[in-house]
C-alpha cells in the first residue's frame, strides 16, 4: 500500500523546512496509523520492515538490511565527506490495546505500539521526503536508520557495523513523549535516560514439610530478607542527589501451602544515571545477596544482564539542536525536562558518536493522548509528527554547516 505522496511533483526552491514537513503531515499520519494497526514485537518486525523498504523504493532511496529487519538508507547531498545518522525504532510491545474507539487500533491481540515507535518511523520517512525536496541544499549525506528490537535491547550492533566505514559526524534520534505538552521540544544536555541492568537471583535452600521447618532451609525467608536488605542500598550507599532506582518485579517460590520449597527466584532492575553508581550497585547487590543467603544457611546465584546503556546527550550537539529548534519554531517551544529512569538503547549510538536524543511532546488531553508509555490506552497527538520530521532535517542541516 502506497501511503506516501509523490515528492517529485513539488516545486520547493524557496520553501522552508517547517513548511515542507507540514506538507507531508497527512502522509505521516496515514503511515503512523498503518503501522499502529499492524504492530510487531521485537525481532519479529518483518511486515514493518517490508513497509519501510517499500516506501524507500518508491522514493528511490537506496538501503541495506541491518540484521533481519533493520534498515539503513542513504540520501546523498552535495558531499559524502560528512554524514549524520538519524534513527527511528520500529518494534511494538506485548500489551493488549484498549483503545476501542480508534479505527486504527491494533489488529493483533496482545501486541501494541504503546511507546510511540510507529510515530518515530513515520517521522523519519517524512523527513526522507523533505530531504529529497531540498537535496541541493545538503552539504552532506544522511543515514536513515530504522532499528529493530529496541524494546529488547537489540538492533544497534548491526546498524553501527554498517555506519562504521563512513564519516558519521553525529547521531540523532527523537522520542515522542507523553509527559510533555504537545508541540514542545526538550533537547537539553547531560543524562536523559538511565542505564538499565536486569538481574535474577536464585536462592537454593532445603525443602521439607511445612510442619517441620527446622528440618529444612526456607528459601522464601531468605528471598524476603534479600528484598529487605537490598532495598536499603539506594538510601544508604548512593548519593541522594543522583537519580537511581533498584526495583524487584518478581519473587516466585513453591507450589503448595504446606511445603517449604528448595528454591526461590527473584528478578528486578537497577536504573542509574551515574556510571560509578551502576558499578557500585552491581557489586553491592552481589555482596548483600551472598551474605544474606549465608546468614540463613542457604546459597544464592546472582546474574546481572546489561540492558540499555545510559543515554547521555553531548553538550555541543544539544546546543546545536537547541539553536535548530529556535530557528525552526522559536525559543518558546523549548522546555526543560528532568532525566528519565526508563532505558533506551540509542545510548549505544551515543557511546560511539557525539549526538543526542530529543524529546517532542505529544500530550494532549483533548484527543485522549494523556496516558503514560506502555499503557494499554497510550496514544499520541499526531499533530506533532511534522515537527519531528522538520527537526530531523534541521538538525542534519545544522551539522553540515
Foldseek 3Di string as FASTA:
>chain_A
DDLFDQLVVDQCPPPDLLRLLVVGLSSLVVQLLQCQQEAAAFPGCPVVLVVLVVLCVSNVWDWDAQPPRKIKTKDWAPDQQEEEEEEAERHWAQAAFDPVVDPSHYPDGRTGRQFCSSLQSSLLSSLVSSCVNPRHLALHMYIYIYAGRFVFQDGPVSVCVVCVVGRYAAYEYEGEFQVDAFLFKELAFWFAEWWKKKKKKKKFKFKDWQVCPVVIQAVVVLVVVLVVVLVCCCVPPHDPVWDKDKDKDDWDDDDDPGMRGGMIMIMTMITGRDPVVVVVSVVVSVVSSQVSQVVRVIGMDMDMGTHAHTFGADHVQSVLLQVLCCVVPRNVRYDHDDHYRHGTNVSVVCVPHHHHYMYGYFHDVVVPQNDGGPDSHHDGNSVRSSVSSSSVNSSSSSSSD
